[in-house]
Each structure stands twice: as C-alpha cells, then as structure tokens.
PDB file of N, CA and C in Angstrom:
ATOM      1  N   UNK A   1       0.677  -1.329   0.052  1.00  0.00           N
ATOM      2  CA  UNK A   1       0.143   0.451  -0.157  1.00  0.00           C
ATOM      3  C   UNK A   1       0.806   1.202   0.356  1.00  0.00           C
ATOM      4  N   UNK A   2       2.229   1.320   0.609  1.00  0.00           N
ATOM      5  CA  UNK A   2       3.273   1.989   1.142  1.00  0.00           C
ATOM      6  C   UNK A   2       3.750   2.612  -0.551  1.00  0.00           C
ATOM      7  N   UNK A   3       3.636   1.579  -1.429  1.00  0.00           N
ATOM      8  CA  UNK A   3       4.573   2.245  -2.656  1.00  0.00           C
ATOM      9  C   UNK A   3       3.524   2.041  -3.694  1.00  0.00           C
ATOM     10  N   UNK A   4       2.070   1.924  -3.561  1.00  0.00           N
ATOM     11  CA  UNK A   4       1.101   2.743  -4.024  1.00  0.00           C
ATOM     12  C   UNK A   4       1.176   1.861  -5.650  1.00  0.00           C
ATOM     13  N   UNK A   5       1.203   0.520  -5.882  1.00  0.00           N
ATOM     14  CA  UNK A   5       1.255   0.001  -6.777  1.00  0.00           C
ATOM     15  C   UNK A   5       0.061  -0.819  -6.917  1.00  0.00           C
ATOM     16  N   UNK A   6      -0.600  -1.355  -8.382  1.00  0.00           N
ATOM     17  CA  UNK A   6      -1.674  -2.047  -8.546  1.00  0.00           C
ATOM     18  C   UNK A   6      -2.628  -2.148  -7.613  1.00  0.00           C
ATOM     19  N   UNK A   7      -3.951  -2.960  -7.524  1.00  0.00           N
ATOM     20  CA  UNK A   7      -4.393  -3.130  -6.606  1.00  0.00           C
ATOM     21  C   UNK A   7      -3.790  -4.255  -4.725  1.00  0.00           C
ATOM     22  N   UNK A   8      -3.836  -3.794  -4.132  1.00  0.00           N
ATOM     23  CA  UNK A   8      -2.758  -4.938  -2.854  1.00  0.00           C
ATOM     24  C   UNK A   8      -4.718  -5.484  -2.838  1.00  0.00           C
ATOM     25  N   UNK A   9      -4.194  -6.467  -2.198  1.00  0.00           N
ATOM     26  CA  UNK A   9      -5.151  -7.360  -1.830  1.00  0.00           C
ATOM     27  C   UNK A   9      -6.620  -6.801  -0.324  1.00  0.00           C
ATOM     28  N   UNK A  10      -5.384  -6.218   0.364  1.00  0.00           N
ATOM     29  CA  UNK A  10      -6.362  -5.383   1.451  1.00  0.00           C
ATOM     30  C   UNK A  10      -7.165  -4.381   1.130  1.00  0.00           C
ATOM     31  N   UNK A  11      -6.845  -3.965   0.352  1.00  0.00           N
ATOM     32  CA  UNK A  11      -7.762  -2.835  -0.796  1.00  0.00           C
ATOM     33  C   UNK A  11      -9.221  -3.484  -0.938  1.00  0.00           C
ATOM     34  N   UNK A  12      -9.433  -4.817  -1.057  1.00  0.00           N
ATOM     35  CA  UNK A  12     -10.701  -5.796  -0.980  1.00  0.00           C
ATOM     36  C   UNK A  12     -11.162  -6.238  -0.150  1.00  0.00           C
ATOM     37  N   UNK A  13     -11.150  -5.987   1.071  1.00  0.00           N
ATOM     38  CA  UNK A  13     -11.130  -6.125   2.321  1.00  0.00           C
ATOM     39  C   UNK A  13     -12.046  -4.981   3.179  1.00  0.00           C
ATOM     40  N   UNK A  14     -13.289  -4.355   3.387  1.00  0.00           N
ATOM     41  CA  UNK A  14     -13.540  -3.166   3.244  1.00  0.00           C
ATOM     42  C   UNK A  14     -13.056  -2.531   4.751  1.00  0.00           C
ATOM     43  N   UNK A  15     -12.737  -2.085   4.751  1.00  0.00           N
ATOM     44  CA  UNK A  15     -12.103  -1.096   6.013  1.00  0.00           C
ATOM     45  C   UNK A  15     -10.321  -1.168   6.361  1.00  0.00           C
ATOM     46  N   UNK A  16     -10.265  -2.328   5.640  1.00  0.00           N
ATOM     47  CA  UNK A  16      -9.430  -2.751   5.897  1.00  0.00           C
ATOM     48  C   UNK A  16      -7.644  -1.860   5.954  1.00  0.00           C
ATOM     49  N   UNK A  17      -7.715  -1.357   4.381  1.00  0.00           N
ATOM     50  CA  UNK A  17      -6.634  -0.518   4.089  1.00  0.00           C
ATOM     51  C   UNK A  17      -6.789   1.136   5.034  1.00  0.00           C
ATOM     52  N   UNK A  18      -7.843   1.501   5.539  1.00  0.00           N
ATOM     53  CA  UNK A  18      -7.522   2.463   6.680  1.00  0.00           C
ATOM     54  C   UNK A  18      -6.871   2.274   8.265  1.00  0.00           C
ATOM     55  N   UNK A  19      -6.794   1.092   8.473  1.00  0.00           N
ATOM     56  CA  UNK A  19      -6.583   0.284   9.844  1.00  0.00           C
ATOM     57  C   UNK A  19      -5.816  -0.331  10.117  1.00  0.00           C
ATOM     58  N   UNK A  20      -5.680  -0.759   9.200  1.00  0.00           N
ATOM     59  CA  UNK A  20      -4.464  -2.133   8.965  1.00  0.00           C
ATOM     60  C   UNK A  20      -3.590  -2.029   8.026  1.00  0.00           C
ATOM     61  N   UNK A  21      -2.356  -3.112   8.213  1.00  0.00           N
ATOM     62  CA  UNK A  21      -1.159  -3.223   6.822  1.00  0.00           C
ATOM     63  C   UNK A  21      -1.322  -4.625   6.518  1.00  0.00           C
ATOM     64  N   UNK A  22      -0.402  -4.898   5.848  1.00  0.00           N
ATOM     65  CA  UNK A  22      -0.448  -6.359   5.296  1.00  0.00           C
ATOM     66  C   UNK A  22       0.223  -7.560   6.558  1.00  0.00           C
ATOM     67  N   UNK A  23       1.309  -6.967   6.621  1.00  0.00           N
ATOM     68  CA  UNK A  23       1.960  -7.021   7.952  1.00  0.00           C
ATOM     69  C   UNK A  23       0.635  -7.738   9.380  1.00  0.00           C
ATOM     70  N   UNK A  24       0.173  -6.496   9.222  1.00  0.00           N
ATOM     71  CA  UNK A  24      -0.947  -7.289  10.530  1.00  0.00           C
ATOM     72  C   UNK A  24      -1.806  -8.737  10.206  1.00  0.00           C
ATOM     73  N   UNK A  25      -1.632  -8.770   8.588  1.00  0.00           N
ATOM     74  CA  UNK A  25      -2.930  -9.786   8.535  1.00  0.00           C
ATOM     75  C   UNK A  25      -1.907 -10.984   8.383  1.00  0.00           C
ATOM     76  N   UNK A  26      -0.950 -10.718   8.301  1.00  0.00           N
ATOM     77  CA  UNK A  26       0.061 -12.221   7.812  1.00  0.00           C
ATOM     78  C   UNK A  26       0.413 -12.162  10.051  1.00  0.00           C
ATOM     79  N   UNK A  27       0.212 -11.294  10.709  1.00  0.00           N
ATOM     80  CA  UNK A  27       0.333 -12.167  11.728  1.00  0.00           C
ATOM     81  C   UNK A  27      -1.167 -12.528  12.386  1.00  0.00           C
ATOM     82  N   UNK A  28      -2.221 -12.640  11.783  1.00  0.00           N
ATOM     83  CA  UNK A  28      -3.111 -13.097  12.204  1.00  0.00           C
ATOM     84  C   UNK A  28      -3.251 -14.440  11.386  1.00  0.00           C
ATOM     85  N   UNK A  29      -2.235 -14.658  10.829  1.00  0.00           N
ATOM     86  CA  UNK A  29      -2.245 -16.244  10.085  1.00  0.00           C
ATOM     87  C   UNK A  29      -1.468 -17.307  10.867  1.00  0.00           C
ATOM     88  N   UNK A  30      -0.745 -16.103  12.221  1.00  0.00           N
ATOM     89  CA  UNK A  30       0.247 -17.214  13.189  1.00  0.00           C
ATOM     90  C   UNK A  30      -0.677 -18.040  13.685  1.00  0.00           C
ATOM     91  N   UNK A  31       0.054 -19.118  14.314  1.00  0.00           N
ATOM     92  CA  UNK A  31       0.975 -20.540  14.345  1.00  0.00           C
ATOM     93  C   UNK A  31       1.299 -20.381  12.942  1.00  0.00           C
ATOM     94  N   UNK A  32       0.595 -20.801  12.159  1.00  0.00           N
ATOM     95  CA  UNK A  32       0.151 -21.681  10.246  1.00  0.00           C
ATOM     96  C   UNK A  32       1.523 -21.679   9.907  1.00  0.00           C
ATOM     97  N   UNK A  33       2.129 -21.788   9.064  1.00  0.00           N
ATOM     98  CA  UNK A  33       2.831 -21.685   7.638  1.00  0.00           C
ATOM     99  C   UNK A  33       2.755 -20.902   7.152  1.00  0.00           C
ATOM    100  N   UNK A  34       3.640 -20.283   6.697  1.00  0.00           N
ATOM    101  CA  UNK A  34       3.268 -19.328   5.798  1.00  0.00           C
ATOM    102  C   UNK A  34       4.684 -19.062   5.108  1.00  0.00           C
ATOM    103  N   UNK A  35       4.495 -18.653   3.772  1.00  0.00           N
ATOM    104  CA  UNK A  35       5.406 -18.383   3.067  1.00  0.00           C
ATOM    105  C   UNK A  35       5.255 -17.628   2.220  1.00  0.00           C
ATOM    106  N   UNK A  36       6.693 -16.100   2.511  1.00  0.00           N
ATOM    107  CA  UNK A  36       6.259 -15.920   1.142  1.00  0.00           C
ATOM    108  C   UNK A  36       7.616 -15.395   0.189  1.00  0.00           C
ATOM    109  N   UNK A  37       7.172 -15.064  -0.921  1.00  0.00           N
ATOM    110  CA  UNK A  37       7.854 -15.213  -2.157  1.00  0.00           C
ATOM    111  C   UNK A  37       8.422 -13.810  -2.676  1.00  0.00           C
ATOM    112  N   UNK A  38       9.238 -13.366  -2.753  1.00  0.00           N
ATOM    113  CA  UNK A  38       9.636 -11.807  -3.143  1.00  0.00           C
ATOM    114  C   UNK A  38      10.904 -11.984  -4.441  1.00  0.00           C
ATOM    115  N   UNK A  39      10.612 -11.301  -4.936  1.00  0.00           N
ATOM    116  CA  UNK A  39      12.178 -10.357  -5.811  1.00  0.00           C
ATOM    117  C   UNK A  39      12.938  -9.463  -5.744  1.00  0.00           C
ATOM    118  N   UNK A  40      14.178  -9.328  -5.683  1.00  0.00           N
ATOM    119  CA  UNK A  40      14.963  -8.754  -5.439  1.00  0.00           C
ATOM    120  C   UNK A  40      14.535  -6.673  -5.746  1.00  0.00           C
ATOM    121  N   UNK A  41      14.187  -7.297  -7.128  1.00  0.00           N
ATOM    122  CA  UNK A  41      13.727  -5.887  -8.018  1.00  0.00           C
ATOM    123  C   UNK A  41      12.455  -6.140  -8.588  1.00  0.00           C
ATOM    124  N   UNK A  42      11.432  -6.483  -7.610  1.00  0.00           N
ATOM    125  CA  UNK A  42      10.000  -6.895  -8.041  1.00  0.00           C
ATOM    126  C   UNK A  42       9.747  -5.536  -6.661  1.00  0.00           C
ATOM    127  N   UNK A  43       8.872  -4.477  -7.915  1.00  0.00           N
ATOM    128  CA  UNK A  43       8.553  -3.758  -6.940  1.00  0.00           C
ATOM    129  C   UNK A  43       6.790  -3.764  -5.927  1.00  0.00           C
ATOM    130  N   UNK A  44       6.636  -5.059  -6.644  1.00  0.00           N
ATOM    131  CA  UNK A  44       5.410  -5.294  -5.857  1.00  0.00           C
ATOM    132  C   UNK A  44       5.611  -6.374  -4.658  1.00  0.00           C
ATOM    133  N   UNK A  45       6.780  -6.424  -4.331  1.00  0.00           N
ATOM    134  CA  UNK A  45       7.004  -7.078  -3.289  1.00  0.00           C
ATOM    135  C   UNK A  45       7.932  -5.970  -2.644  1.00  0.00           C
ATOM    136  N   UNK A  46       8.672  -5.843  -2.583  1.00  0.00           N
ATOM    137  CA  UNK A  46       9.953  -5.043  -2.563  1.00  0.00           C
ATOM    138  C   UNK A  46       9.595  -4.886  -0.283  1.00  0.00           C
ATOM    139  N   UNK A  47       8.207  -4.853  -0.222  1.00  0.00           N
ATOM    140  CA  UNK A  47       8.444  -4.486   1.764  1.00  0.00           C
ATOM    141  C   UNK A  47       7.973  -6.024   2.012  1.00  0.00           C
ATOM    142  N   UNK A  48       8.735  -7.293   1.190  1.00  0.00           N
ATOM    143  CA  UNK A  48       8.228  -8.605   1.892  1.00  0.00           C
ATOM    144  C   UNK A  48       9.420  -8.764   2.893  1.00  0.00           C
ATOM    145  N   UNK A  49      10.658  -8.374   3.080  1.00  0.00           N
ATOM    146  CA  UNK A  49      11.169  -8.591   4.586  1.00  0.00           C
ATOM    147  C   UNK A  49      10.466  -7.592   5.828  1.00  0.00           C
ATOM    148  N   UNK A  50      10.128  -6.650   5.025  1.00  0.00           N
ATOM    149  CA  UNK A  50       9.197  -5.303   6.172  1.00  0.00           C
ATOM    150  C   UNK A  50       8.084  -6.247   6.722  1.00  0.00           C
ATOM    151  N   UNK A  51       7.370  -6.882   5.951  1.00  0.00           N
ATOM    152  CA  UNK A  51       6.563  -7.817   6.690  1.00  0.00           C
ATOM    153  C   UNK A  51       6.744  -8.821   7.351  1.00  0.00           C
ATOM    154  N   UNK A  52       7.905  -9.983   6.755  1.00  0.00           N
ATOM    155  CA  UNK A  52       8.093 -10.529   7.864  1.00  0.00           C
ATOM    156  C   UNK A  52       8.988  -9.923   9.469  1.00  0.00           C
ATOM    157  N   UNK A  53       9.458  -8.949   9.192  1.00  0.00           N
ATOM    158  CA  UNK A  53       9.937  -8.224  10.413  1.00  0.00           C
ATOM    159  C   UNK A  53       8.802  -7.938  11.189  1.00  0.00           C
ATOM    160  N   UNK A  54       8.179  -7.425  10.862  1.00  0.00           N
ATOM    161  CA  UNK A  54       6.773  -7.219  11.572  1.00  0.00           C
ATOM    162  C   UNK A  54       6.077  -7.933  11.948  1.00  0.00           C
ATOM    163  N   UNK A  55       5.791  -8.962  11.270  1.00  0.00           N
ATOM    164  CA  UNK A  55       5.102  -9.996  11.862  1.00  0.00           C
ATOM    165  C   UNK A  55       5.937 -11.298  12.473  1.00  0.00           C
ATOM    166  N   UNK A  56       7.175 -11.356  12.173  1.00  0.00           N
ATOM    167  CA  UNK A  56       7.770 -11.903  13.509  1.00  0.00           C
ATOM    168  C   UNK A  56       7.686 -12.274  15.120  1.00  0.00           C
ATOM    169  N   UNK A  57       7.381 -11.378  15.555  1.00  0.00           N
ATOM    170  CA  UNK A  57       6.967 -11.013  16.789  1.00  0.00           C
ATOM    171  C   UNK A  57       5.794 -12.042  17.649  1.00  0.00           C
ATOM    172  N   UNK A  58       4.789 -11.946  16.731  1.00  0.00           N
ATOM    173  CA  UNK A  58       3.762 -12.627  17.401  1.00  0.00           C
ATOM    174  C   UNK A  58       3.789 -14.314  16.730  1.00  0.00           C
ATOM    175  N   UNK A  59       4.771 -14.395  15.913  1.00  0.00           N
ATOM    176  CA  UNK A  59       4.743 -15.814  15.512  1.00  0.00           C
ATOM    177  C   UNK A  59       6.028 -16.162  17.130  1.00  0.00           C
ATOM    178  N   UNK A  60       6.864 -15.232  17.043  1.00  0.00           N
ATOM    179  CA  UNK A  60       7.768 -15.454  18.175  1.00  0.00           C
ATOM    180  C   UNK A  60       7.168 -16.171  19.723  1.00  0.00           C
ATOM    181  N   UNK A  61       5.875 -14.900  19.583  1.00  0.00           N
ATOM    182  CA  UNK A  61       5.369 -15.845  20.639  1.00  0.00           C
ATOM    183  C   UNK A  61       4.661 -16.986  20.813  1.00  0.00           C
ATOM    184  N   UNK A  62       4.802 -17.228  19.829  1.00  0.00           N
ATOM    185  CA  UNK A  62       3.608 -18.306  19.690  1.00  0.00           C
ATOM    186  C   UNK A  62       4.686 -19.563  19.287  1.00  0.00           C
ATOM    187  N   UNK A  63       5.517 -19.225  20.147  1.00  0.00           N
ATOM    188  CA  UNK A  63       6.241 -20.370  19.188  1.00  0.00           C
ATOM    189  C   UNK A  63       6.827 -21.254  17.754  1.00  0.00           C
ATOM    190  N   UNK A  64       6.191 -20.176  17.283  1.00  0.00           N
ATOM    191  CA  UNK A  64       6.267 -20.193  15.335  1.00  0.00           C
ATOM    192  C   UNK A  64       7.315 -19.752  15.207  1.00  0.00           C
ATOM    193  N   UNK A  65       7.994 -19.052  14.895  1.00  0.00           N
ATOM    194  CA  UNK A  65       9.395 -18.405  14.249  1.00  0.00           C
ATOM    195  C   UNK A  65       9.442 -19.259  12.837  1.00  0.00           C
ATOM    196  N   UNK A  66       9.478 -20.623  13.329  1.00  0.00           N
ATOM    197  CA  UNK A  66      10.325 -20.967  11.675  1.00  0.00           C
ATOM    198  C   UNK A  66       8.991 -21.546  10.887  1.00  0.00           C
ATOM    199  N   UNK A  67       7.864 -20.933  11.159  1.00  0.00           N
ATOM    200  CA  UNK A  67       6.586 -21.338  10.430  1.00  0.00           C
ATOM    201  C   UNK A  67       6.378 -20.019   9.466  1.00  0.00           C
ATOM    202  N   UNK A  68       6.948 -19.125   9.767  1.00  0.00           N
ATOM    203  CA  UNK A  68       7.044 -17.833   9.016  1.00  0.00           C
ATOM    204  C   UNK A  68       8.648 -18.004   8.028  1.00  0.00           C
ATOM    205  N   UNK A  69       8.195 -18.118   6.713  1.00  0.00           N
ATOM    206  CA  UNK A  69       9.704 -18.236   5.936  1.00  0.00           C
ATOM    207  C   UNK A  69       9.461 -17.137   5.031  1.00  0.00           C
ATOM    208  N   UNK A  70      10.070 -16.856   4.603  1.00  0.00           N
ATOM    209  CA  UNK A  70      10.365 -15.677   3.354  1.00  0.00           C
ATOM    210  C   UNK A  70      11.458 -15.897   2.920  1.00  0.00           C
ATOM    211  N   UNK A  71      11.432 -16.429   1.372  1.00  0.00           N
ATOM    212  CA  UNK A  71      12.424 -16.694  -0.255  1.00  0.00           C
ATOM    213  C   UNK A  71      12.740 -15.678  -0.788  1.00  0.00           C
ATOM    214  N   UNK A  72      13.292 -14.447  -1.184  1.00  0.00           N
ATOM    215  CA  UNK A  72      13.694 -13.847  -1.793  1.00  0.00           C
ATOM    216  C   UNK A  72      15.055 -14.169  -2.836  1.00  0.00           C
ATOM    217  N   UNK A  73      14.302 -14.277  -4.424  1.00  0.00           N
ATOM    218  CA  UNK A  73      15.021 -14.371  -5.472  1.00  0.00           C
ATOM    219  C   UNK A  73      15.548 -13.037  -6.462  1.00  0.00           C
ATOM    220  N   UNK A  74      16.414 -13.379  -6.785  1.00  0.00           N
ATOM    221  CA  UNK A  74      17.059 -12.356  -7.342  1.00  0.00           C
ATOM    222  C   UNK A  74      15.811 -12.060  -8.741  1.00  0.00           C
ATOM    223  N   UNK A  75      15.881 -10.835  -9.063  1.00  0.00           N
ATOM    224  CA  UNK A  75      14.741 -11.011 -10.359  1.00  0.00           C
ATOM    225  C   UNK A  75      13.782  -9.954  -9.928  1.00  0.00           C
ATOM    226  N   UNK A  76      12.798  -9.810 -10.693  1.00  0.00           N
ATOM    227  CA  UNK A  76      11.735  -8.929 -10.514  1.00  0.00           C
ATOM    228  C   UNK A  76      10.521 -10.495 -10.292  1.00  0.00           C
ATOM    229  N   UNK A  77       9.290  -9.331 -10.824  1.00  0.00           N
ATOM    230  CA  UNK A  77       7.785 -10.522 -10.090  1.00  0.00           C
ATOM    231  C   UNK A  77       7.462 -12.212 -11.012  1.00  0.00           C
ATOM    232  N   UNK A  78       8.411 -12.235 -12.352  1.00  0.00           N
ATOM    233  CA  UNK A  78       8.075 -13.521 -12.736  1.00  0.00           C
ATOM    234  C   UNK A  78       8.111 -14.453 -11.726  1.00  0.00           C
ATOM    235  N   UNK A  79       7.601 -15.991 -12.444  1.00  0.00           N
ATOM    236  CA  UNK A  79       6.946 -17.134 -11.295  1.00  0.00           C
ATOM    237  C   UNK A  79       8.452 -17.540 -12.197  1.00  0.00           C
ATOM    238  N   UNK A  80       9.469 -17.825 -11.757  1.00  0.00           N
ATOM    239  CA  UNK A  80      10.518 -18.660 -12.638  1.00  0.00           C
ATOM    240  C   UNK A  80       9.932 -19.881 -12.518  1.00  0.00           C
ATOM    241  N   UNK A  81      11.133 -21.011 -12.889  1.00  0.00           N
ATOM    242  CA  UNK A  81      10.878 -22.459 -12.839  1.00  0.00           C
ATOM    243  C   UNK A  81      11.351 -22.888 -11.818  1.00  0.00           C
ATOM    244  N   UNK A  82      12.580 -21.794 -10.991  1.00  0.00           N
ATOM    245  CA  UNK A  82      13.031 -22.044  -9.131  1.00  0.00           C
ATOM    246  C   UNK A  82      12.301 -22.152  -8.353  1.00  0.00           C
ATOM    247  N   UNK A  83      11.719 -20.242  -8.611  1.00  0.00           N
ATOM    248  CA  UNK A  83      10.622 -19.944  -7.604  1.00  0.00           C
ATOM    249  C   UNK A  83       9.288 -21.153  -7.736  1.00  0.00           C
ATOM    250  N   UNK A  84       8.972 -21.576  -8.714  1.00  0.00           N
ATOM    251  CA  UNK A  84       8.140 -22.497  -8.947  1.00  0.00           C
ATOM    252  C   UNK A  84       8.373 -23.980  -8.257  1.00  0.00           C
ATOM    253  N   UNK A  85       9.099 -24.847  -8.172  1.00  0.00           N
ATOM    254  CA  UNK A  85       9.330 -25.811  -7.727  1.00  0.00           C
ATOM    255  C   UNK A  85       9.863 -25.622  -6.303  1.00  0.00           C
ATOM    256  N   UNK A  86      10.631 -24.546  -6.000  1.00  0.00           N
ATOM    257  CA  UNK A  86      10.869 -23.824  -4.169  1.00  0.00           C
ATOM    258  C   UNK A  86       9.094 -24.232  -3.481  1.00  0.00           C
ATOM    259  N   UNK A  87       7.874 -23.189  -4.448  1.00  0.00           N
ATOM    260  CA  UNK A  87       6.998 -23.463  -3.430  1.00  0.00           C
ATOM    261  C   UNK A  87       6.386 -24.354  -3.746  1.00  0.00           C
ATOM    262  N   UNK A  88       6.376 -25.149  -4.599  1.00  0.00           N
ATOM    263  CA  UNK A  88       5.874 -26.851  -4.693  1.00  0.00           C
ATOM    264  C   UNK A  88       6.524 -27.720  -3.819  1.00  0.00           C
ATOM    265  N   UNK A  89       7.512 -27.776  -3.661  1.00  0.00           N
ATOM    266  CA  UNK A  89       8.194 -28.466  -2.677  1.00  0.00           C
ATOM    267  C   UNK A  89       7.660 -27.859  -0.919  1.00  0.00           C
ATOM    268  N   UNK A  90       7.505 -26.558  -0.816  1.00  0.00           N
ATOM    269  CA  UNK A  90       7.692 -26.055   0.307  1.00  0.00           C
ATOM    270  C   UNK A  90       5.797 -26.480   0.494  1.00  0.00           C
ATOM    271  N   UNK A  91       4.616 -26.833  -0.408  1.00  0.00           N
ATOM    272  CA  UNK A  91       3.726 -26.802  -0.274  1.00  0.00           C
ATOM    273  C   UNK A  91       3.108 -28.586   0.014  1.00  0.00           C
ATOM    274  N   UNK A  92       4.070 -29.076  -0.459  1.00  0.00           N
ATOM    275  CA  UNK A  92       4.165 -30.414  -0.371  1.00  0.00           C
ATOM    276  C   UNK A  92       4.951 -31.146   0.823  1.00  0.00           C
ATOM    277  N   UNK A  93       6.160 -30.369   1.761  1.00  0.00           N
ATOM    278  CA  UNK A  93       6.467 -30.286   3.104  1.00  0.00           C
ATOM    279  C   UNK A  93       5.313 -29.823   4.061  1.00  0.00           C
ATOM    280  N   UNK A  94       4.017 -28.507   3.732  1.00  0.00           N
ATOM    281  CA  UNK A  94       3.776 -28.660   5.034  1.00  0.00           C
ATOM    282  C   UNK A  94       2.371 -28.807   4.730  1.00  0.00           C
ATOM    283  N   UNK A  95       1.623 -29.797   3.980  1.00  0.00           N
ATOM    284  CA  UNK A  95       0.309 -30.019   3.843  1.00  0.00           C
ATOM    285  C   UNK A  95       0.219 -31.422   4.751  1.00  0.00           C
TER     286      UNK A  95
END
C-alpha cells in the first residue's frame, strides 16, 4: 500500500486499508505455516522483508517463528522455474 502500485489485496477487504497493513494480516495467520516469495527487483514485493520483520514477534510469541518463511530471489516479479519448484516443494512439505 505504501508503494502505491496495483490493487493491494487489503483494498478488497472493507475498511482494512484504513486501519491495518499487510503485516497485520500476516500476523493473524500465526502460528500457521506461511511462505512469502519475493524478488529483489520486484516493485510489488519490495516490502516483503518488512512484512516478515513486523509479523515475526507474534510468530515468536507462539513459538512458531520457524513457520514464517521468506524466500527472496534475484530478479523481478516473474514466476521462474526455480521459484515454482520451491513453492511446490514447500506446499508438499507442509501439507
């Protein structure tokens, strides 16, 4: 939301963007498994590390810090074969 790009998913939840940010939503997922995938040059995910930083305390309080994962790759927004395979591997390992 801060970067003013695209339609932020929080914008489709009534009144969400006026009171909360994405890290608030990610914090609500704790203690469940969550994988955030970002690209170093991706303008749509450039705040992924910040989101993880802000959501980490609640995961830590619930002894689930290892359940919050962030994988950042070189490049932009594209879904590369490496990213795709890593996502599938993560899903299969956490099903």
